[in-house]
Amino acid sequence: MLPPLRALVVFEAVARLRSVSLAAKELNVTQAAISQQLKQLESFLDTQLLERGRSGMTLTHAGQKYHPVVSYTLGQLKKKTQSLFGEEKSEVLRMRVNNSLAQQWLLPRLKSFYRQYPFIRIDIDTVDWPSRNPCDTVDVEITNGRYGGSDIQTERLFNEQWHLVCSPKYYEKHKEKLVRFELNDLDAIQVKGYEDDWYSWLHFHGLTSAPPRVILEVNNSLQAMQAAKHDIGLLMVRSLVAMDMLEKGELVIAMPGEMPEERGHYLITQSKRPPKVQLFCDWLYAQMSHSKPDLEVMLQH
């Protein structure tokens, strides 16, 4: 009889770490999912493997005998996988990622990917705009724009919102005008390619004020947020890339309200995904589901 592989991975992590919560963190799943997998394995084997005590999880006699077998087997499977599908064939996952999304969202989370798939090495090129031929020389593309094609699979990743932000110092200096929605006398930072978004913002919120004076244009949102952080002016930015700086207090919401982002970030792959690409996509979906609470908290502020 062959036990479910996922349950074995969960058992190995809990037995090694002696903690459901630590195992959940390492495998990037919920504690409830960990408990469910353990119950599934114990039911399959009709044997109790773990006991919960004051000092954490402890192995039963059967668990002590089974853990080294599982640990060794998974280790051998990992080594053989790397040997058969190593760097020459499939270890390197080549990606093209939007610069701001990579810096503000993807890179801070990659450590958990390497914990799960240490035999995959990621090679990232950052870009400001979508390529004309996505996935021509890369396996995965995550860019701000959609692309259609018979051999390409495209999925929108996030439902983002536009927010008007500035530095705390800039807000305090111009608070009265911001409260009265008087933008025409204020300075602004703009990302190239989004010139019409100021008028969209004003129209969406039913404001008659003229847009602020754009005194600085930059290539991407990351540069724009750094400029806003240093008190240069107002900035329209999407919730996902601004979340970290808003939570740290480096930027604040300049005016209440938000505007849905119609374009958004898209995941682009070949229609037929190789195993290494599918592993990354599955990990990415899990990360997205964990980001939703963070976004909701940020939007409340």
C-alpha atoms as a PDB file:
ATOM      1  CA  MET A   1       0.000   0.000   0.000  1.00  0.00           C
ATOM      2  CA  LEU A   2       1.211   3.486  -0.870  1.00  0.00           C
ATOM      3  CA  PRO A   3       0.332   6.353   1.528  1.00  0.00           C
ATOM      4  CA  PRO A   4      -0.653   9.773   0.113  1.00  0.00           C
ATOM      5  CA  LEU A   5       2.542  11.684  -0.691  1.00  0.00           C
ATOM      6  CA  ARG A   6       1.296  15.054   0.586  1.00  0.00           C
ATOM      7  CA  ALA A   7       0.410  13.526   3.947  1.00  0.00           C
ATOM      8  CA  LEU A   8       3.903  12.039   4.194  1.00  0.00           C
ATOM      9  CA  VAL A   9       5.489  15.439   3.553  1.00  0.00           C
ATOM     10  CA  VAL A  10       3.323  16.948   6.298  1.00  0.00           C
ATOM     11  CA  PHE A  11       4.127  14.142   8.748  1.00  0.00           C
ATOM     12  CA  GLU A  12       7.870  14.512   8.123  1.00  0.00           C
ATOM     13  CA  ALA A  13       7.751  18.260   8.767  1.00  0.00           C
ATOM     14  CA  VAL A  14       5.669  17.967  11.971  1.00  0.00           C
ATOM     15  CA  ALA A  15       7.803  15.107  13.295  1.00  0.00           C
ATOM     16  CA  ARG A  16      11.021  17.004  12.574  1.00  0.00           C
ATOM     17  CA  LEU A  17       9.847  20.362  13.949  1.00  0.00           C
ATOM     18  CA  ARG A  18       7.661  18.942  16.743  1.00  0.00           C
ATOM     19  CA  SER A  19       5.111  21.644  15.961  1.00  0.00           C
ATOM     20  CA  VAL A  20       2.012  21.942  13.789  1.00  0.00           C
ATOM     21  CA  SER A  21       2.352  25.721  13.561  1.00  0.00           C
ATOM     22  CA  LEU A  22       6.022  25.590  12.504  1.00  0.00           C
ATOM     23  CA  ALA A  23       5.258  22.903   9.938  1.00  0.00           C
ATOM     24  CA  ALA A  24       2.385  24.982   8.569  1.00  0.00           C
ATOM     25  CA  LYS A  25       4.723  27.961   8.236  1.00  0.00           C
ATOM     26  CA  GLU A  26       7.426  25.919   6.507  1.00  0.00           C
ATOM     27  CA  LEU A  27       4.991  24.317   4.053  1.00  0.00           C
ATOM     28  CA  ASN A  28       3.063  27.553   3.604  1.00  0.00           C
ATOM     29  CA  VAL A  29      -0.346  26.088   4.476  1.00  0.00           C
ATOM     30  CA  THR A  30      -2.798  26.531   7.332  1.00  0.00           C
ATOM     31  CA  GLN A  31      -2.602  24.596  10.601  1.00  0.00           C
ATOM     32  CA  ALA A  32      -6.012  23.140   9.795  1.00  0.00           C
ATOM     33  CA  ALA A  33      -4.608  21.715   6.549  1.00  0.00           C
ATOM     34  CA  ILE A  34      -1.708  20.183   8.488  1.00  0.00           C
ATOM     35  CA  SER A  35      -4.058  18.533  10.967  1.00  0.00           C
ATOM     36  CA  GLN A  36      -6.255  17.214   8.156  1.00  0.00           C
ATOM     37  CA  GLN A  37      -3.290  15.611   6.382  1.00  0.00           C
ATOM     38  CA  LEU A  38      -2.085  13.997   9.616  1.00  0.00           C
ATOM     39  CA  LYS A  39      -5.534  12.544  10.267  1.00  0.00           C
ATOM     40  CA  GLN A  40      -5.639  11.242   6.699  1.00  0.00           C
ATOM     41  CA  LEU A  41      -2.286   9.490   7.096  1.00  0.00           C
ATOM     42  CA  GLU A  42      -3.135   7.993  10.496  1.00  0.00           C
ATOM     43  CA  SER A  43      -6.476   6.807   9.124  1.00  0.00           C
ATOM     44  CA  PHE A  44      -4.736   5.264   6.118  1.00  0.00           C
ATOM     45  CA  LEU A  45      -2.267   3.433   8.369  1.00  0.00           C
ATOM     46  CA  ASP A  46      -4.848   2.812  11.106  1.00  0.00           C
ATOM     47  CA  THR A  47      -2.141   3.858  13.561  1.00  0.00           C
ATOM     48  CA  GLN A  48      -1.537   6.923  15.744  1.00  0.00           C
ATOM     49  CA  LEU A  49       1.774   8.551  14.877  1.00  0.00           C
ATOM     50  CA  LEU A  50       1.767  11.747  16.934  1.00  0.00           C
ATOM     51  CA  GLU A  51       0.531  12.993  20.280  1.00  0.00           C
ATOM     52  CA  ARG A  52       0.002  16.617  21.291  1.00  0.00           C
ATOM     53  CA  GLY A  53       1.586  17.512  24.642  1.00  0.00           C
ATOM     54  CA  ARG A  54       2.421  20.641  26.644  1.00  0.00           C
ATOM     55  CA  SER A  55       5.838  20.877  25.033  1.00  0.00           C
ATOM     56  CA  GLY A  56       4.516  20.319  21.514  1.00  0.00           C
ATOM     57  CA  MET A  57       4.021  17.308  19.313  1.00  0.00           C
ATOM     58  CA  THR A  58       5.664  14.027  20.304  1.00  0.00           C
ATOM     59  CA  LEU A  59       6.032  10.849  18.296  1.00  0.00           C
ATOM     60  CA  THR A  60       4.343   7.665  19.392  1.00  0.00           C
ATOM     61  CA  HIS A  61       6.339   4.432  19.308  1.00  0.00           C
ATOM     62  CA  ALA A  62       5.001   3.771  15.801  1.00  0.00           C
ATOM     63  CA  GLY A  63       5.804   7.333  14.776  1.00  0.00           C
ATOM     64  CA  GLN A  64       9.395   7.004  16.011  1.00  0.00           C
ATOM     65  CA  LYS A  65       9.864   3.928  13.839  1.00  0.00           C
ATOM     66  CA  TYR A  66       8.120   5.428  10.798  1.00  0.00           C
ATOM     67  CA  HIS A  67       9.664   8.932  10.763  1.00  0.00           C
ATOM     68  CA  PRO A  68      13.231   7.978   9.698  1.00  0.00           C
ATOM     69  CA  VAL A  69      11.796   5.800   6.929  1.00  0.00           C
ATOM     70  CA  VAL A  70       9.678   8.677   5.601  1.00  0.00           C
ATOM     71  CA  SER A  71      12.488  11.209   6.005  1.00  0.00           C
ATOM     72  CA  TYR A  72      14.994   9.034   4.148  1.00  0.00           C
ATOM     73  CA  THR A  73      12.540   8.181   1.363  1.00  0.00           C
ATOM     74  CA  LEU A  74      11.568  11.825   0.741  1.00  0.00           C
ATOM     75  CA  GLY A  75      15.227  12.830   0.804  1.00  0.00           C
ATOM     76  CA  GLN A  76      16.082  10.198  -1.797  1.00  0.00           C
ATOM     77  CA  LEU A  77      13.132  11.253  -3.945  1.00  0.00           C
ATOM     78  CA  LYS A  78      14.327  14.866  -3.823  1.00  0.00           C
ATOM     79  CA  LYS A  79      17.893  13.862  -4.775  1.00  0.00           C
ATOM     80  CA  LYS A  80      16.744  11.638  -7.626  1.00  0.00           C
ATOM     81  CA  THR A  81      14.441  14.351  -8.928  1.00  0.00           C
ATOM     82  CA  GLN A  82      17.295  16.828  -8.925  1.00  0.00           C
ATOM     83  CA  SER A  83      19.541  14.290 -10.628  1.00  0.00           C
ATOM     84  CA  LEU A  84      17.043  13.500 -13.388  1.00  0.00           C
ATOM     85  CA  PHE A  85      15.701  17.022 -13.858  1.00  0.00           C
ATOM     86  CA  GLY A  86      18.693  19.044 -12.791  1.00  0.00           C
ATOM     87  CA  GLU A  87      20.117  22.322 -13.971  1.00  0.00           C
ATOM     88  CA  GLU A  88      20.828  21.135 -17.504  1.00  0.00           C
ATOM     89  CA  LYS A  89      17.177  20.244 -18.135  1.00  0.00           C
ATOM     90  CA  SER A  90      14.704  21.864 -15.790  1.00  0.00           C
ATOM     91  CA  GLU A  91      16.223  23.177 -12.573  1.00  0.00           C
ATOM     92  CA  VAL A  92      16.398  26.779 -13.779  1.00  0.00           C
ATOM     93  CA  LEU A  93      13.020  28.535 -13.888  1.00  0.00           C
ATOM     94  CA  ARG A  94      13.390  31.651 -16.007  1.00  0.00           C
ATOM     95  CA  MET A  95      11.007  34.506 -15.287  1.00  0.00           C
ATOM     96  CA  ARG A  96      10.246  38.003 -16.513  1.00  0.00           C
ATOM     97  CA  VAL A  97       8.525  40.038 -13.764  1.00  0.00           C
ATOM     98  CA  ASN A  98       7.232  43.574 -13.438  1.00  0.00           C
ATOM     99  CA  ASN A  99       9.871  45.546 -11.521  1.00  0.00           C
ATOM    100  CA  SER A 100       7.615  46.975  -8.798  1.00  0.00           C
ATOM    101  CA  LEU A 101       5.770  43.695  -8.224  1.00  0.00           C
ATOM    102  CA  ALA A 102       9.059  41.800  -7.961  1.00  0.00           C
ATOM    103  CA  GLN A 103      10.538  44.227  -5.416  1.00  0.00           C
ATOM    104  CA  GLN A 104       7.436  44.834  -3.299  1.00  0.00           C
ATOM    105  CA  TRP A 105       5.678  41.466  -3.374  1.00  0.00           C
ATOM    106  CA  LEU A 106       7.426  38.510  -5.028  1.00  0.00           C
ATOM    107  CA  LEU A 107      11.022  38.657  -3.738  1.00  0.00           C
ATOM    108  CA  PRO A 108      10.049  38.951  -0.036  1.00  0.00           C
ATOM    109  CA  ARG A 109       8.090  35.696  -0.393  1.00  0.00           C
ATOM    110  CA  LEU A 110      10.493  33.531  -2.401  1.00  0.00           C
ATOM    111  CA  LYS A 111      12.150  32.003   0.650  1.00  0.00           C
ATOM    112  CA  SER A 112       9.133  29.767   1.200  1.00  0.00           C
ATOM    113  CA  PHE A 113       9.340  28.573  -2.412  1.00  0.00           C
ATOM    114  CA  TYR A 114      12.950  27.453  -1.922  1.00  0.00           C
ATOM    115  CA  ARG A 115      11.998  25.618   1.266  1.00  0.00           C
ATOM    116  CA  GLN A 116       9.480  23.593  -0.732  1.00  0.00           C
ATOM    117  CA  TYR A 117      11.476  23.173  -3.946  1.00  0.00           C
ATOM    118  CA  PRO A 118      15.203  23.492  -3.216  1.00  0.00           C
ATOM    119  CA  PHE A 119      16.095  21.765  -6.517  1.00  0.00           C
ATOM    120  CA  ILE A 120      14.685  24.680  -8.580  1.00  0.00           C
ATOM    121  CA  ARG A 121      16.754  27.800  -9.185  1.00  0.00           C
ATOM    122  CA  ILE A 122      14.931  30.954 -10.306  1.00  0.00           C
ATOM    123  CA  ASP A 123      16.389  33.396 -12.814  1.00  0.00           C
ATOM    124  CA  ILE A 124      14.459  36.712 -12.839  1.00  0.00           C
ATOM    125  CA  ASP A 125      14.622  39.599 -15.279  1.00  0.00           C
ATOM    126  CA  THR A 126      12.688  42.663 -14.114  1.00  0.00           C
ATOM    127  CA  VAL A 127      10.872  44.857 -16.634  1.00  0.00           C
ATOM    128  CA  ASP A 128       8.651  47.943 -16.559  1.00  0.00           C
ATOM    129  CA  TRP A 129       6.352  46.969 -19.436  1.00  0.00           C
ATOM    130  CA  PRO A 130       5.043  43.708 -20.915  1.00  0.00           C
ATOM    131  CA  SER A 131       7.130  42.185 -23.676  1.00  0.00           C
ATOM    132  CA  ARG A 132       5.786  41.943 -27.184  1.00  0.00           C
ATOM    133  CA  ASN A 133       6.476  38.224 -27.260  1.00  0.00           C
ATOM    134  CA  PRO A 134       5.833  36.884 -23.749  1.00  0.00           C
ATOM    135  CA  CYS A 135       7.407  33.583 -22.778  1.00  0.00           C
ATOM    136  CA  ASP A 136       9.660  33.638 -25.832  1.00  0.00           C
ATOM    137  CA  THR A 137      12.845  33.187 -23.794  1.00  0.00           C
ATOM    138  CA  VAL A 138      11.347  32.681 -20.300  1.00  0.00           C
ATOM    139  CA  ASP A 139       9.088  30.107 -18.641  1.00  0.00           C
ATOM    140  CA  VAL A 140       6.911  32.516 -16.663  1.00  0.00           C
ATOM    141  CA  GLU A 141       5.991  36.151 -17.132  1.00  0.00           C
ATOM    142  CA  ILE A 142       4.230  38.331 -14.555  1.00  0.00           C
ATOM    143  CA  THR A 143       3.624  41.763 -16.009  1.00  0.00           C
ATOM    144  CA  ASN A 144       1.185  44.628 -15.924  1.00  0.00           C
ATOM    145  CA  GLY A 145      -0.827  43.807 -18.999  1.00  0.00           C
ATOM    146  CA  ARG A 146      -2.690  41.042 -20.742  1.00  0.00           C
ATOM    147  CA  TYR A 147      -1.582  39.113 -23.793  1.00  0.00           C
ATOM    148  CA  GLY A 148      -3.634  36.783 -25.937  1.00  0.00           C
ATOM    149  CA  GLY A 149      -2.393  33.903 -28.035  1.00  0.00           C
ATOM    150  CA  SER A 150      -3.348  30.364 -28.952  1.00  0.00           C
ATOM    151  CA  ASP A 151      -0.231  28.924 -27.336  1.00  0.00           C
ATOM    152  CA  ILE A 152      -0.275  31.216 -24.294  1.00  0.00           C
ATOM    153  CA  GLN A 153      -2.167  30.891 -21.012  1.00  0.00           C
ATOM    154  CA  THR A 154      -3.003  34.206 -19.317  1.00  0.00           C
ATOM    155  CA  GLU A 155      -4.512  34.671 -15.849  1.00  0.00           C
ATOM    156  CA  ARG A 156      -5.201  37.854 -13.913  1.00  0.00           C
ATOM    157  CA  LEU A 157      -3.647  37.580 -10.469  1.00  0.00           C
ATOM    158  CA  PHE A 158      -5.071  40.342  -8.285  1.00  0.00           C
ATOM    159  CA  ASN A 159      -8.061  42.673  -8.099  1.00  0.00           C
ATOM    160  CA  GLU A 160      -6.208  45.858  -7.234  1.00  0.00           C
ATOM    161  CA  GLN A 161      -7.289  49.380  -6.381  1.00  0.00           C
ATOM    162  CA  TRP A 162      -5.724  52.749  -7.146  1.00  0.00           C
ATOM    163  CA  HIS A 163      -4.983  54.915  -4.120  1.00  0.00           C
ATOM    164  CA  LEU A 164      -3.801  58.487  -3.781  1.00  0.00           C
ATOM    165  CA  VAL A 165      -0.783  58.558  -1.441  1.00  0.00           C
ATOM    166  CA  CYS A 166       1.948  60.871  -0.220  1.00  0.00           C
ATOM    167  CA  SER A 167       4.481  61.101   2.600  1.00  0.00           C
ATOM    168  CA  PRO A 168       3.254  61.909   6.130  1.00  0.00           C
ATOM    169  CA  LYS A 169       5.167  65.210   5.993  1.00  0.00           C
ATOM    170  CA  TYR A 170       3.598  66.208   2.677  1.00  0.00           C
ATOM    171  CA  TYR A 171       0.151  65.333   4.010  1.00  0.00           C
ATOM    172  CA  GLU A 172       0.542  67.496   7.101  1.00  0.00           C
ATOM    173  CA  LYS A 173       1.799  70.405   5.003  1.00  0.00           C
ATOM    174  CA  HIS A 174      -1.129  70.271   2.539  1.00  0.00           C
ATOM    175  CA  LYS A 175      -3.804  68.719   4.718  1.00  0.00           C
ATOM    176  CA  GLU A 176      -6.313  71.571   4.336  1.00  0.00           C
ATOM    177  CA  LYS A 177      -6.240  71.438   0.539  1.00  0.00           C
ATOM    178  CA  LEU A 178      -6.459  67.658   0.531  1.00  0.00           C
ATOM    179  CA  VAL A 179      -9.457  67.699   2.848  1.00  0.00           C
ATOM    180  CA  ARG A 180     -11.172  70.173   0.493  1.00  0.00           C
ATOM    181  CA  PHE A 181     -10.194  68.040  -2.549  1.00  0.00           C
ATOM    182  CA  GLU A 182      -8.241  70.948  -4.045  1.00  0.00           C
ATOM    183  CA  LEU A 183      -5.579  69.192  -6.094  1.00  0.00           C
ATOM    184  CA  ASN A 184      -4.771  71.758  -8.758  1.00  0.00           C
ATOM    185  CA  ASP A 185      -2.277  73.659  -6.548  1.00  0.00           C
ATOM    186  CA  LEU A 186      -0.412  70.532  -5.452  1.00  0.00           C
ATOM    187  CA  ASP A 187       2.556  68.725  -6.989  1.00  0.00           C
ATOM    188  CA  ALA A 188       2.441  65.165  -8.266  1.00  0.00           C
ATOM    189  CA  ILE A 189       4.635  62.258  -9.344  1.00  0.00           C
ATOM    190  CA  GLN A 190       3.649  60.224 -12.365  1.00  0.00           C
ATOM    191  CA  VAL A 191       4.646  56.863 -13.769  1.00  0.00           C
ATOM    192  CA  LYS A 192       5.197  57.056 -17.524  1.00  0.00           C
ATOM    193  CA  GLY A 193       2.298  55.570 -19.445  1.00  0.00           C
ATOM    194  CA  TYR A 194      -0.391  56.527 -16.930  1.00  0.00           C
ATOM    195  CA  GLU A 195      -0.967  60.150 -17.941  1.00  0.00           C
ATOM    196  CA  ASP A 196      -4.754  59.811 -18.222  1.00  0.00           C
ATOM    197  CA  ASP A 197      -5.258  58.184 -14.831  1.00  0.00           C
ATOM    198  CA  TRP A 198      -5.489  61.524 -12.988  1.00  0.00           C
ATOM    199  CA  TYR A 199      -8.542  62.457 -15.040  1.00  0.00           C
ATOM    200  CA  SER A 200      -9.988  58.977 -14.502  1.00  0.00           C
ATOM    201  CA  TRP A 201      -9.514  59.414 -10.739  1.00  0.00           C
ATOM    202  CA  LEU A 202     -11.247  62.809 -10.696  1.00  0.00           C
ATOM    203  CA  HIS A 203     -14.121  61.570 -12.851  1.00  0.00           C
ATOM    204  CA  PHE A 204     -14.554  58.379 -10.823  1.00  0.00           C
ATOM    205  CA  HIS A 205     -14.914  60.389  -7.598  1.00  0.00           C
ATOM    206  CA  GLY A 206     -17.060  63.108  -9.158  1.00  0.00           C
ATOM    207  CA  LEU A 207     -14.502  65.862  -8.517  1.00  0.00           C
ATOM    208  CA  THR A 208     -14.396  69.067 -10.551  1.00  0.00           C
ATOM    209  CA  SER A 209     -10.905  70.067  -9.481  1.00  0.00           C
ATOM    210  CA  ALA A 210      -8.125  70.132 -12.071  1.00  0.00           C
ATOM    211  CA  PRO A 211      -5.447  67.456 -11.616  1.00  0.00           C
ATOM    212  CA  PRO A 212      -2.269  68.284  -9.673  1.00  0.00           C
ATOM    213  CA  ARG A 213       0.858  69.571 -11.407  1.00  0.00           C
ATOM    214  CA  VAL A 214       3.062  66.690 -12.513  1.00  0.00           C
ATOM    215  CA  ILE A 215       6.623  67.757 -11.693  1.00  0.00           C
ATOM    216  CA  LEU A 216       8.314  64.349 -11.907  1.00  0.00           C
ATOM    217  CA  GLU A 217       7.919  61.388 -14.276  1.00  0.00           C
ATOM    218  CA  VAL A 218       9.614  58.048 -13.644  1.00  0.00           C
ATOM    219  CA  ASN A 219       9.687  54.601 -15.255  1.00  0.00           C
ATOM    220  CA  ASN A 220       7.971  52.495 -12.590  1.00  0.00           C
ATOM    221  CA  SER A 221       5.946  52.551  -9.388  1.00  0.00           C
ATOM    222  CA  LEU A 222       8.912  51.607  -7.214  1.00  0.00           C
ATOM    223  CA  GLN A 223      10.787  54.756  -8.230  1.00  0.00           C
ATOM    224  CA  ALA A 224       7.612  56.804  -7.873  1.00  0.00           C
ATOM    225  CA  MET A 225       6.999  55.584  -4.317  1.00  0.00           C
ATOM    226  CA  GLN A 226      10.551  56.434  -3.322  1.00  0.00           C
ATOM    227  CA  ALA A 227      10.026  59.952  -4.669  1.00  0.00           C
ATOM    228  CA  ALA A 228       6.720  60.261  -2.787  1.00  0.00           C
ATOM    229  CA  LYS A 229       8.407  59.011   0.374  1.00  0.00           C
ATOM    230  CA  HIS A 230      10.804  61.966   0.120  1.00  0.00           C
ATOM    231  CA  ASP A 231       7.994  64.552   0.090  1.00  0.00           C
ATOM    232  CA  ILE A 232       8.050  65.399  -3.626  1.00  0.00           C
ATOM    233  CA  GLY A 233       4.302  65.185  -4.170  1.00  0.00           C
ATOM    234  CA  LEU A 234       1.152  63.123  -4.574  1.00  0.00           C
ATOM    235  CA  LEU A 235       1.155  59.749  -6.281  1.00  0.00           C
ATOM    236  CA  MET A 236      -1.519  57.465  -7.698  1.00  0.00           C
ATOM    237  CA  VAL A 237      -0.422  53.907  -6.969  1.00  0.00           C
ATOM    238  CA  ARG A 238      -1.918  50.435  -6.857  1.00  0.00           C
ATOM    239  CA  SER A 239      -2.700  48.799  -3.550  1.00  0.00           C
ATOM    240  CA  LEU A 240      -0.511  45.730  -3.990  1.00  0.00           C
ATOM    241  CA  VAL A 241       2.798  47.487  -4.600  1.00  0.00           C
ATOM    242  CA  ALA A 242       2.089  50.229  -2.024  1.00  0.00           C
ATOM    243  CA  MET A 243       0.973  47.888   0.765  1.00  0.00           C
ATOM    244  CA  ASP A 244       4.384  47.518   2.423  1.00  0.00           C
ATOM    245  CA  MET A 245       5.197  51.240   2.554  1.00  0.00           C
ATOM    246  CA  LEU A 246       1.694  52.068   3.777  1.00  0.00           C
ATOM    247  CA  GLU A 247       1.939  49.540   6.590  1.00  0.00           C
ATOM    248  CA  LYS A 248       5.352  50.912   7.598  1.00  0.00           C
ATOM    249  CA  GLY A 249       3.998  54.479   7.622  1.00  0.00           C
ATOM    250  CA  GLU A 250       6.441  55.638   4.956  1.00  0.00           C
ATOM    251  CA  LEU A 251       3.420  56.618   2.857  1.00  0.00           C
ATOM    252  CA  VAL A 252      -0.117  57.557   3.910  1.00  0.00           C
ATOM    253  CA  ILE A 253      -3.458  57.755   2.136  1.00  0.00           C
ATOM    254  CA  ALA A 254      -3.713  61.362   0.913  1.00  0.00           C
ATOM    255  CA  MET A 255      -7.438  61.302   0.135  1.00  0.00           C
ATOM    256  CA  PRO A 256     -10.146  58.802   1.065  1.00  0.00           C
ATOM    257  CA  GLY A 257     -11.511  56.575  -1.645  1.00  0.00           C
ATOM    258  CA  GLU A 258     -10.124  54.197  -4.206  1.00  0.00           C
ATOM    259  CA  MET A 259     -10.550  53.366  -7.886  1.00  0.00           C
ATOM    260  CA  PRO A 260     -10.569  49.846  -9.363  1.00  0.00           C
ATOM    261  CA  GLU A 261      -7.580  48.991 -11.513  1.00  0.00           C
ATOM    262  CA  GLU A 262      -8.757  47.772 -14.895  1.00  0.00           C
ATOM    263  CA  ARG A 263      -5.414  46.555 -16.248  1.00  0.00           C
ATOM    264  CA  GLY A 264      -3.770  44.634 -13.400  1.00  0.00           C
ATOM    265  CA  HIS A 265      -0.974  42.082 -13.149  1.00  0.00           C
ATOM    266  CA  TYR A 266      -1.178  38.924 -15.227  1.00  0.00           C
ATOM    267  CA  LEU A 267       0.506  35.530 -15.018  1.00  0.00           C
ATOM    268  CA  ILE A 268       1.551  34.377 -18.487  1.00  0.00           C
ATOM    269  CA  THR A 269       2.851  30.907 -19.317  1.00  0.00           C
ATOM    270  CA  GLN A 270       2.832  28.513 -22.228  1.00  0.00           C
ATOM    271  CA  SER A 271      -0.516  26.697 -22.516  1.00  0.00           C
ATOM    272  CA  LYS A 272       1.196  23.414 -21.658  1.00  0.00           C
ATOM    273  CA  ARG A 273       3.053  24.008 -18.416  1.00  0.00           C
ATOM    274  CA  PRO A 274       6.153  21.924 -17.617  1.00  0.00           C
ATOM    275  CA  PRO A 275       6.310  20.494 -14.065  1.00  0.00           C
ATOM    276  CA  LYS A 276       8.650  23.221 -12.768  1.00  0.00           C
ATOM    277  CA  VAL A 277       6.266  25.920 -14.044  1.00  0.00           C
ATOM    278  CA  GLN A 278       3.230  24.218 -12.531  1.00  0.00           C
ATOM    279  CA  LEU A 279       4.995  23.923  -9.170  1.00  0.00           C
ATOM    280  CA  PHE A 280       5.706  27.654  -9.213  1.00  0.00           C
ATOM    281  CA  CYS A 281       2.142  28.513 -10.251  1.00  0.00           C
ATOM    282  CA  ASP A 282       0.660  26.382  -7.465  1.00  0.00           C
ATOM    283  CA  TRP A 283       2.957  28.098  -4.958  1.00  0.00           C
ATOM    284  CA  LEU A 284       1.998  31.498  -6.380  1.00  0.00           C
ATOM    285  CA  TYR A 285      -1.733  30.803  -5.959  1.00  0.00           C
ATOM    286  CA  ALA A 286      -1.147  29.877  -2.311  1.00  0.00           C
ATOM    287  CA  GLN A 287       0.782  33.103  -1.740  1.00  0.00           C
ATOM    288  CA  MET A 288      -2.033  35.114  -3.310  1.00  0.00           C
ATOM    289  CA  SER A 289      -4.606  33.604  -0.971  1.00  0.00           C
ATOM    290  CA  HIS A 290      -2.412  34.501   2.025  1.00  0.00           C
ATOM    291  CA  SER A 291      -2.023  38.088   0.767  1.00  0.00           C
ATOM    292  CA  LYS A 292      -5.750  38.830   0.762  1.00  0.00           C
ATOM    293  CA  PRO A 293      -5.985  39.503   4.534  1.00  0.00           C
ATOM    294  CA  ASP A 294      -2.976  41.847   4.292  1.00  0.00           C
ATOM    295  CA  LEU A 295      -4.613  43.785   1.497  1.00  0.00           C
ATOM    296  CA  GLU A 296      -7.864  44.052   3.410  1.00  0.00           C
ATOM    297  CA  VAL A 297      -6.080  45.450   6.472  1.00  0.00           C
ATOM    298  CA  MET A 298      -4.209  47.948   4.351  1.00  0.00           C
ATOM    299  CA  LEU A 299      -7.413  49.107   2.646  1.00  0.00           C
ATOM    300  CA  GLN A 300      -9.069  49.742   6.001  1.00  0.00           C
ATOM    301  CA  HIS A 301      -6.397  52.340   6.725  1.00  0.00           C
END
